[in-house]
PDB file of all heavy atoms in Angstrom:
ATOM      1  N   PHE A   1     158.221 111.860 133.861  1.00  0.00           N
ATOM      2  CA  PHE A   1     157.158 111.216 134.638  1.00  0.00           C
ATOM      3  C   PHE A   1     156.939 109.774 134.174  1.00  0.00           C
ATOM      4  O   PHE A   1     156.796 108.862 134.988  1.00  0.00           O
ATOM      5  CB  PHE A   1     155.859 112.025 134.515  1.00  0.00           C
ATOM      6  CG  PHE A   1     154.706 111.381 135.220  1.00  0.00           C
ATOM      7  CD1 PHE A   1     154.617 111.407 136.610  1.00  0.00           C
ATOM      8  CD2 PHE A   1     153.719 110.717 134.511  1.00  0.00           C
ATOM      9  CE1 PHE A   1     153.567 110.804 137.260  1.00  0.00           C
ATOM     10  CE2 PHE A   1     152.671 110.104 135.157  1.00  0.00           C
ATOM     11  CZ  PHE A   1     152.588 110.161 136.538  1.00  0.00           C
ATOM     12  N   MET A   2     156.934 109.551 132.864  1.00  0.00           N
ATOM     13  CA  MET A   2     156.714 108.216 132.321  1.00  0.00           C
ATOM     14  C   MET A   2     157.867 107.287 132.707  1.00  0.00           C
ATOM     15  O   MET A   2     157.643 106.121 133.057  1.00  0.00           O
ATOM     16  CB  MET A   2     156.544 108.276 130.799  1.00  0.00           C
ATOM     17  CG  MET A   2     155.218 108.901 130.391  1.00  0.00           C
ATOM     18  SD  MET A   2     155.027 109.173 128.625  1.00  0.00           S
ATOM     19  CE  MET A   2     155.261 107.568 127.964  1.00  0.00           C
ATOM     20  N   MET A   3     159.093 107.784 132.670  1.00  0.00           N
ATOM     21  CA  MET A   3     160.237 106.966 133.056  1.00  0.00           C
ATOM     22  C   MET A   3     160.133 106.569 134.524  1.00  0.00           C
ATOM     23  O   MET A   3     160.385 105.430 134.904  1.00  0.00           O
ATOM     24  CB  MET A   3     161.548 107.721 132.785  1.00  0.00           C
ATOM     25  CG  MET A   3     161.872 107.837 131.301  1.00  0.00           C
ATOM     26  SD  MET A   3     163.305 108.852 130.945  1.00  0.00           S
ATOM     27  CE  MET A   3     164.581 108.028 131.836  1.00  0.00           C
ATOM     28  N   PHE A   4     159.734 107.520 135.343  1.00  0.00           N
ATOM     29  CA  PHE A   4     159.566 107.239 136.756  1.00  0.00           C
ATOM     30  C   PHE A   4     158.456 106.206 136.976  1.00  0.00           C
ATOM     31  O   PHE A   4     158.608 105.263 137.746  1.00  0.00           O
ATOM     32  CB  PHE A   4     159.238 108.541 137.505  1.00  0.00           C
ATOM     33  CG  PHE A   4     158.926 108.320 138.955  1.00  0.00           C
ATOM     34  CD1 PHE A   4     159.940 108.041 139.857  1.00  0.00           C
ATOM     35  CD2 PHE A   4     157.614 108.375 139.421  1.00  0.00           C
ATOM     36  CE1 PHE A   4     159.649 107.834 141.191  1.00  0.00           C
ATOM     37  CE2 PHE A   4     157.328 108.159 140.751  1.00  0.00           C
ATOM     38  CZ  PHE A   4     158.350 107.893 141.642  1.00  0.00           C
ATOM     39  N   ALA A   5     157.343 106.339 136.283  1.00  0.00           N
ATOM     40  CA  ALA A   5     156.205 105.419 136.414  1.00  0.00           C
ATOM     41  C   ALA A   5     156.602 104.012 135.982  1.00  0.00           C
ATOM     42  O   ALA A   5     156.286 103.021 136.662  1.00  0.00           O
ATOM     43  CB  ALA A   5     155.018 105.923 135.602  1.00  0.00           C
ATOM     44  N   PHE A   6     157.293 103.883 134.851  1.00  0.00           N
ATOM     45  CA  PHE A   6     157.715 102.558 134.388  1.00  0.00           C
ATOM     46  C   PHE A   6     158.724 101.939 135.343  1.00  0.00           C
ATOM     47  O   PHE A   6     158.709 100.735 135.584  1.00  0.00           O
ATOM     48  CB  PHE A   6     158.291 102.626 132.976  1.00  0.00           C
ATOM     49  CG  PHE A   6     157.253 102.832 131.909  1.00  0.00           C
ATOM     50  CD1 PHE A   6     157.404 103.821 130.959  1.00  0.00           C
ATOM     51  CD2 PHE A   6     156.120 102.031 131.860  1.00  0.00           C
ATOM     52  CE1 PHE A   6     156.455 104.003 129.977  1.00  0.00           C
ATOM     53  CE2 PHE A   6     155.167 102.219 130.879  1.00  0.00           C
ATOM     54  CZ  PHE A   6     155.329 103.210 129.930  1.00  0.00           C
ATOM     55  N   SER A   7     159.585 102.757 135.900  1.00  0.00           N
ATOM     56  CA  SER A   7     160.563 102.273 136.863  1.00  0.00           C
ATOM     57  C   SER A   7     159.853 101.733 138.102  1.00  0.00           C
ATOM     58  O   SER A   7     160.196 100.673 138.619  1.00  0.00           O
ATOM     59  CB  SER A   7     161.509 103.413 137.244  1.00  0.00           C
ATOM     60  OG  SER A   7     162.323 103.028 138.313  1.00  0.00           O
ATOM     61  N   ALA A   8     158.841 102.426 138.556  1.00  0.00           N
ATOM     62  CA  ALA A   8     158.069 101.988 139.721  1.00  0.00           C
ATOM     63  C   ALA A   8     157.344 100.683 139.416  1.00  0.00           C
ATOM     64  O   ALA A   8     157.285  99.779 140.243  1.00  0.00           O
ATOM     65  CB  ALA A   8     157.074 103.068 140.146  1.00  0.00           C
ATOM     66  N   CYS A   9     156.789 100.571 138.200  1.00  0.00           N
ATOM     67  CA  CYS A   9     156.093  99.331 137.810  1.00  0.00           C
ATOM     68  C   CYS A   9     157.050  98.152 137.806  1.00  0.00           C
ATOM     69  O   CYS A   9     156.703  97.054 138.224  1.00  0.00           O
ATOM     70  CB  CYS A   9     155.453  99.475 136.432  1.00  0.00           C
ATOM     71  SG  CYS A   9     154.001 100.545 136.439  1.00  0.00           S
ATOM     72  N   LYS A  10     158.281  98.391 137.334  1.00  0.00           N
ATOM     73  CA  LYS A  10     159.276  97.325 137.295  1.00  0.00           C
ATOM     74  C   LYS A  10     159.586  96.853 138.718  1.00  0.00           C
ATOM     75  O   LYS A  10     159.672  95.661 138.979  1.00  0.00           O
ATOM     76  CB  LYS A  10     160.542  97.832 136.603  1.00  0.00           C
ATOM     77  CG  LYS A  10     161.600  96.785 136.443  1.00  0.00           C
ATOM     78  CD  LYS A  10     162.792  97.331 135.706  1.00  0.00           C
ATOM     79  CE  LYS A  10     163.886  96.277 135.582  1.00  0.00           C
ATOM     80  NZ  LYS A  10     165.067  96.799 134.959  1.00  0.00           N
ATOM     81  N   ASP A  11     159.731  97.819 139.666  1.00  0.00           N
ATOM     82  CA  ASP A  11     159.999  97.458 141.053  1.00  0.00           C
ATOM     83  C   ASP A  11     158.824  96.690 141.655  1.00  0.00           C
ATOM     84  O   ASP A  11     159.010  95.725 142.381  1.00  0.00           O
ATOM     85  CB  ASP A  11     160.287  98.708 141.896  1.00  0.00           C
ATOM     86  CG  ASP A  11     161.656  99.306 141.575  1.00  0.00           C
ATOM     87  OD1 ASP A  11     162.480  98.603 140.945  1.00  0.00           O
ATOM     88  OD2 ASP A  11     161.888 100.473 141.951  1.00  0.00           O
ATOM     89  N   VAL A  12     157.589  97.103 141.355  1.00  0.00           N
ATOM     90  CA  VAL A  12     156.403  96.415 141.856  1.00  0.00           C
ATOM     91  C   VAL A  12     156.373  94.997 141.299  1.00  0.00           C
ATOM     92  O   VAL A  12     156.099  94.032 142.009  1.00  0.00           O
ATOM     93  CB  VAL A  12     155.112  97.189 141.495  1.00  0.00           C
ATOM     94  CG1 VAL A  12     153.886  96.339 141.744  1.00  0.00           C
ATOM     95  CG2 VAL A  12     155.040  98.477 142.283  1.00  0.00           C
ATOM     96  N   SER A  13     156.684  94.851 140.016  1.00  0.00           N
ATOM     97  CA  SER A  13     156.701  93.534 139.391  1.00  0.00           C
ATOM     98  C   SER A  13     157.756  92.652 140.041  1.00  0.00           C
ATOM     99  O   SER A  13     157.522  91.489 140.327  1.00  0.00           O
ATOM    100  CB  SER A  13     156.973  93.680 137.892  1.00  0.00           C
ATOM    101  OG  SER A  13     157.111  92.419 137.302  1.00  0.00           O
ATOM    102  N   LYS A  14     158.942  93.220 140.286  1.00  0.00           N
ATOM    103  CA  LYS A  14     160.009  92.457 140.919  1.00  0.00           C
ATOM    104  C   LYS A  14     159.606  92.057 142.334  1.00  0.00           C
ATOM    105  O   LYS A  14     159.820  90.936 142.758  1.00  0.00           O
ATOM    106  CB  LYS A  14     161.290  93.312 140.945  1.00  0.00           C
ATOM    107  CG  LYS A  14     162.523  92.529 141.356  1.00  0.00           C
ATOM    108  CD  LYS A  14     163.751  93.394 141.402  1.00  0.00           C
ATOM    109  CE  LYS A  14     164.358  93.502 140.022  1.00  0.00           C
ATOM    110  NZ  LYS A  14     165.658  94.190 140.044  1.00  0.00           N
ATOM    111  N   ASN A  15     158.959  92.972 143.072  1.00  0.00           N
ATOM    112  CA  ASN A  15     158.489  92.665 144.427  1.00  0.00           C
ATOM    113  C   ASN A  15     157.421  91.582 144.394  1.00  0.00           C
ATOM    114  O   ASN A  15     157.384  90.705 145.248  1.00  0.00           O
ATOM    115  CB  ASN A  15     157.931  93.914 145.115  1.00  0.00           C
ATOM    116  CG  ASN A  15     159.032  94.866 145.546  1.00  0.00           C
ATOM    117  OD1 ASN A  15     160.189  94.466 145.664  1.00  0.00           O
ATOM    118  ND2 ASN A  15     158.674  96.110 145.774  1.00  0.00           N
ATOM    119  N   ALA A  16     156.543  91.609 143.412  1.00  0.00           N
ATOM    120  CA  ALA A  16     155.490  90.601 143.280  1.00  0.00           C
ATOM    121  C   ALA A  16     156.108  89.238 143.018  1.00  0.00           C
ATOM    122  O   ALA A  16     155.674  88.232 143.584  1.00  0.00           O
ATOM    123  CB  ALA A  16     154.523  90.981 142.161  1.00  0.00           C
ATOM    124  N   GLN A  17     157.151  89.205 142.170  1.00  0.00           N
ATOM    125  CA  GLN A  17     157.821  87.929 141.900  1.00  0.00           C
ATOM    126  C   GLN A  17     158.492  87.397 143.161  1.00  0.00           C
ATOM    127  O   GLN A  17     158.422  86.212 143.460  1.00  0.00           O
ATOM    128  CB  GLN A  17     158.855  88.110 140.782  1.00  0.00           C
ATOM    129  CG  GLN A  17     158.243  88.317 139.415  1.00  0.00           C
ATOM    130  CD  GLN A  17     159.304  88.647 138.368  1.00  0.00           C
ATOM    131  OE1 GLN A  17     160.444  88.933 138.689  1.00  0.00           O
ATOM    132  NE2 GLN A  17     158.894  88.619 137.106  1.00  0.00           N
ATOM    133  N   THR A  18     159.141  88.270 143.916  1.00  0.00           N
ATOM    134  CA  THR A  18     159.798  87.865 145.153  1.00  0.00           C
ATOM    135  C   THR A  18     158.770  87.368 146.155  1.00  0.00           C
ATOM    136  O   THR A  18     158.951  86.318 146.780  1.00  0.00           O
ATOM    137  CB  THR A  18     160.593  89.044 145.755  1.00  0.00           C
ATOM    138  OG1 THR A  18     161.552  89.487 144.788  1.00  0.00           O
ATOM    139  CG2 THR A  18     161.293  88.642 147.035  1.00  0.00           C
ATOM    140  N   THR A  19     157.667  88.094 146.305  1.00  0.00           N
ATOM    141  CA  THR A  19     156.601  87.681 147.218  1.00  0.00           C
ATOM    142  C   THR A  19     156.034  86.337 146.803  1.00  0.00           C
ATOM    143  O   THR A  19     155.796  85.463 147.632  1.00  0.00           O
ATOM    144  CB  THR A  19     155.484  88.746 147.253  1.00  0.00           C
ATOM    145  OG1 THR A  19     156.057  89.983 147.678  1.00  0.00           O
ATOM    146  CG2 THR A  19     154.363  88.342 148.195  1.00  0.00           C
ATOM    147  N   SER A  20     155.837  86.147 145.504  1.00  0.00           N
ATOM    148  CA  SER A  20     155.306  84.887 144.993  1.00  0.00           C
ATOM    149  C   SER A  20     156.257  83.735 145.297  1.00  0.00           C
ATOM    150  O   SER A  20     155.834  82.654 145.713  1.00  0.00           O
ATOM    151  CB  SER A  20     155.062  84.984 143.495  1.00  0.00           C
ATOM    152  OG  SER A  20     154.612  83.766 142.979  1.00  0.00           O
ATOM    153  N   ALA A  21     157.557  83.958 145.124  1.00  0.00           N
ATOM    154  CA  ALA A  21     158.551  82.913 145.399  1.00  0.00           C
ATOM    155  C   ALA A  21     158.570  82.571 146.885  1.00  0.00           C
ATOM    156  O   ALA A  21     158.645  81.396 147.255  1.00  0.00           O
ATOM    157  CB  ALA A  21     159.924  83.365 144.932  1.00  0.00           C
ATOM    158  N   VAL A  22     158.491  83.576 147.735  1.00  0.00           N
ATOM    159  CA  VAL A  22     158.482  83.349 149.186  1.00  0.00           C
ATOM    160  C   VAL A  22     157.220  82.586 149.588  1.00  0.00           C
ATOM    161  O   VAL A  22     157.268  81.653 150.373  1.00  0.00           O
ATOM    162  CB  VAL A  22     158.592  84.692 149.951  1.00  0.00           C
ATOM    163  CG1 VAL A  22     158.308  84.510 151.431  1.00  0.00           C
ATOM    164  CG2 VAL A  22     159.963  85.303 149.739  1.00  0.00           C
ATOM    165  N   THR A  23     156.078  82.972 149.015  1.00  0.00           N
ATOM    166  CA  THR A  23     154.814  82.290 149.308  1.00  0.00           C
ATOM    167  C   THR A  23     154.868  80.836 148.865  1.00  0.00           C
ATOM    168  O   THR A  23     154.447  79.943 149.605  1.00  0.00           O
ATOM    169  CB  THR A  23     153.637  83.016 148.614  1.00  0.00           C
ATOM    170  OG1 THR A  23     153.608  84.365 149.072  1.00  0.00           O
ATOM    171  CG2 THR A  23     152.320  82.341 148.913  1.00  0.00           C
ATOM    172  N   THR A  24     155.406  80.582 147.679  1.00  0.00           N
ATOM    173  CA  THR A  24     155.527  79.207 147.178  1.00  0.00           C
ATOM    174  C   THR A  24     156.411  78.381 148.100  1.00  0.00           C
ATOM    175  O   THR A  24     156.080  77.246 148.440  1.00  0.00           O
ATOM    176  CB  THR A  24     156.092  79.211 145.741  1.00  0.00           C
ATOM    177  OG1 THR A  24     155.201  79.949 144.909  1.00  0.00           O
ATOM    178  CG2 THR A  24     156.253  77.803 145.214  1.00  0.00           C
ATOM    179  N   LYS A  25     157.536  78.941 148.528  1.00  0.00           N
ATOM    180  CA  LYS A  25     158.459  78.242 149.428  1.00  0.00           C
ATOM    181  C   LYS A  25     157.776  77.955 150.761  1.00  0.00           C
ATOM    182  O   LYS A  25     157.904  76.851 151.302  1.00  0.00           O
ATOM    183  CB  LYS A  25     159.721  79.094 149.632  1.00  0.00           C
ATOM    184  CG  LYS A  25     160.759  78.450 150.496  1.00  0.00           C
ATOM    185  CD  LYS A  25     161.392  77.274 149.801  1.00  0.00           C
ATOM    186  CE  LYS A  25     162.557  76.766 150.618  1.00  0.00           C
ATOM    187  NZ  LYS A  25     163.091  75.541 150.095  1.00  0.00           N
ATOM    188  N   ALA A  26     157.021  78.894 151.282  1.00  0.00           N
ATOM    189  CA  ALA A  26     156.308  78.706 152.547  1.00  0.00           C
ATOM    190  C   ALA A  26     155.266  77.603 152.422  1.00  0.00           C
ATOM    191  O   ALA A  26     155.110  76.771 153.315  1.00  0.00           O
ATOM    192  CB  ALA A  26     155.652  80.003 152.991  1.00  0.00           C
ATOM    193  N   LYS A  27     154.564  77.571 151.293  1.00  0.00           N
ATOM    194  CA  LYS A  27     153.564  76.524 151.067  1.00  0.00           C
ATOM    195  C   LYS A  27     154.222  75.155 150.992  1.00  0.00           C
ATOM    196  O   LYS A  27     153.705  74.181 151.526  1.00  0.00           O
ATOM    197  CB  LYS A  27     152.775  76.793 149.781  1.00  0.00           C
ATOM    198  CG  LYS A  27     151.759  77.907 149.912  1.00  0.00           C
ATOM    199  CD  LYS A  27     151.023  78.124 148.610  1.00  0.00           C
ATOM    200  CE  LYS A  27     150.051  79.278 148.700  1.00  0.00           C
ATOM    201  NZ  LYS A  27     149.379  79.537 147.418  1.00  0.00           N
ATOM    202  N   GLN A  28     155.383  75.074 150.319  1.00  0.00           N
ATOM    203  CA  GLN A  28     156.101  73.799 150.209  1.00  0.00           C
ATOM    204  C   GLN A  28     156.563  73.325 151.587  1.00  0.00           C
ATOM    205  O   GLN A  28     156.470  72.151 151.918  1.00  0.00           O
ATOM    206  CB  GLN A  28     157.299  73.944 149.264  1.00  0.00           C
ATOM    207  CG  GLN A  28     156.906  74.092 147.811  1.00  0.00           C
ATOM    208  CD  GLN A  28     158.095  74.443 146.924  1.00  0.00           C
ATOM    209  OE1 GLN A  28     159.139  74.875 147.398  1.00  0.00           O
ATOM    210  NE2 GLN A  28     157.916  74.276 145.622  1.00  0.00           N
ATOM    211  N   THR A  29     157.068  74.260 152.395  1.00  0.00           N
ATOM    212  CA  THR A  29     157.529  73.927 153.733  1.00  0.00           C
ATOM    213  C   THR A  29     156.364  73.449 154.594  1.00  0.00           C
ATOM    214  O   THR A  29     156.471  72.451 155.306  1.00  0.00           O
ATOM    215  CB  THR A  29     158.212  75.147 154.389  1.00  0.00           C
ATOM    216  OG1 THR A  29     159.315  75.540 153.574  1.00  0.00           O
ATOM    217  CG2 THR A  29     158.684  74.832 155.795  1.00  0.00           C
ATOM    218  N   THR A  30     155.233  74.140 154.515  1.00  0.00           N
ATOM    219  CA  THR A  30     154.042  73.751 155.271  1.00  0.00           C
ATOM    220  C   THR A  30     153.560  72.378 154.848  1.00  0.00           C
ATOM    221  O   THR A  30     153.234  71.537 155.685  1.00  0.00           O
ATOM    222  CB  THR A  30     152.920  74.790 155.083  1.00  0.00           C
ATOM    223  OG1 THR A  30     153.398  76.057 155.542  1.00  0.00           O
ATOM    224  CG2 THR A  30     151.677  74.407 155.848  1.00  0.00           C
ATOM    225  N   LYS A  31     153.545  72.114 153.542  1.00  0.00           N
ATOM    226  CA  LYS A  31     153.107  70.813 153.031  1.00  0.00           C
ATOM    227  C   LYS A  31     154.033  69.706 153.533  1.00  0.00           C
ATOM    228  O   LYS A  31     153.571  68.649 153.967  1.00  0.00           O
ATOM    229  CB  LYS A  31     153.070  70.821 151.508  1.00  0.00           C
ATOM    230  CG  LYS A  31     152.543  69.535 150.916  1.00  0.00           C
ATOM    231  CD  LYS A  31     152.478  69.586 149.413  1.00  0.00           C
ATOM    232  CE  LYS A  31     151.979  68.261 148.855  1.00  0.00           C
ATOM    233  NZ  LYS A  31     151.994  68.231 147.410  1.00  0.00           N
ATOM    234  N   ALA A  32     155.332  69.946 153.500  1.00  0.00           N
ATOM    235  CA  ALA A  32     156.297  68.948 153.973  1.00  0.00           C
ATOM    236  C   ALA A  32     156.100  68.671 155.462  1.00  0.00           C
ATOM    237  O   ALA A  32     156.135  67.514 155.896  1.00  0.00           O
ATOM    238  CB  ALA A  32     157.725  69.419 153.703  1.00  0.00           C
ATOM    239  N   LYS A  33     155.861  69.720 156.255  1.00  0.00           N
ATOM    240  CA  LYS A  33     155.634  69.537 157.692  1.00  0.00           C
ATOM    241  C   LYS A  33     154.332  68.790 157.937  1.00  0.00           C
ATOM    242  O   LYS A  33     154.271  67.938 158.820  1.00  0.00           O
ATOM    243  CB  LYS A  33     155.620  70.887 158.404  1.00  0.00           C
ATOM    244  CG  LYS A  33     157.002  71.491 158.551  1.00  0.00           C
ATOM    245  CD  LYS A  33     156.950  72.802 159.285  1.00  0.00           C
ATOM    246  CE  LYS A  33     158.338  73.413 159.392  1.00  0.00           C
ATOM    247  NZ  LYS A  33     158.314  74.711 160.054  1.00  0.00           N
ATOM    248  N   ASP A  34     153.285  69.087 157.172  1.00  0.00           N
ATOM    249  CA  ASP A  34     152.010  68.371 157.305  1.00  0.00           C
ATOM    250  C   ASP A  34     152.181  66.895 156.985  1.00  0.00           C
ATOM    251  O   ASP A  34     151.656  66.036 157.689  1.00  0.00           O
ATOM    252  CB  ASP A  34     150.941  68.971 156.386  1.00  0.00           C
ATOM    253  CG  ASP A  34     150.434  70.322 156.873  1.00  0.00           C
ATOM    254  OD1 ASP A  34     150.696  70.673 158.046  1.00  0.00           O
ATOM    255  OD2 ASP A  34     149.775  71.018 156.074  1.00  0.00           O
ATOM    256  N   GLU A  35     152.929  66.588 155.912  1.00  0.00           N
ATOM    257  CA  GLU A  35     153.173  65.188 155.547  1.00  0.00           C
ATOM    258  C   GLU A  35     153.980  64.486 156.628  1.00  0.00           C
ATOM    259  O   GLU A  35     153.726  63.339 156.960  1.00  0.00           O
ATOM    260  CB  GLU A  35     153.892  65.110 154.198  1.00  0.00           C
ATOM    261  CG  GLU A  35     153.008  65.483 153.023  1.00  0.00           C
ATOM    262  CD  GLU A  35     153.761  65.585 151.706  1.00  0.00           C
ATOM    263  OE1 GLU A  35     154.994  65.425 151.696  1.00  0.00           O
ATOM    264  OE2 GLU A  35     153.094  65.829 150.685  1.00  0.00           O
TER     265      GLU A  35
END
């Protein structure tokens, strides 16, 4: 159970990093278009 839980946390962390990178890229694109 603990191995499964840690594995799920790792996937959530990886998804959060990916989401954060996509959000940052979207903000940069929006800023460039606004400028």
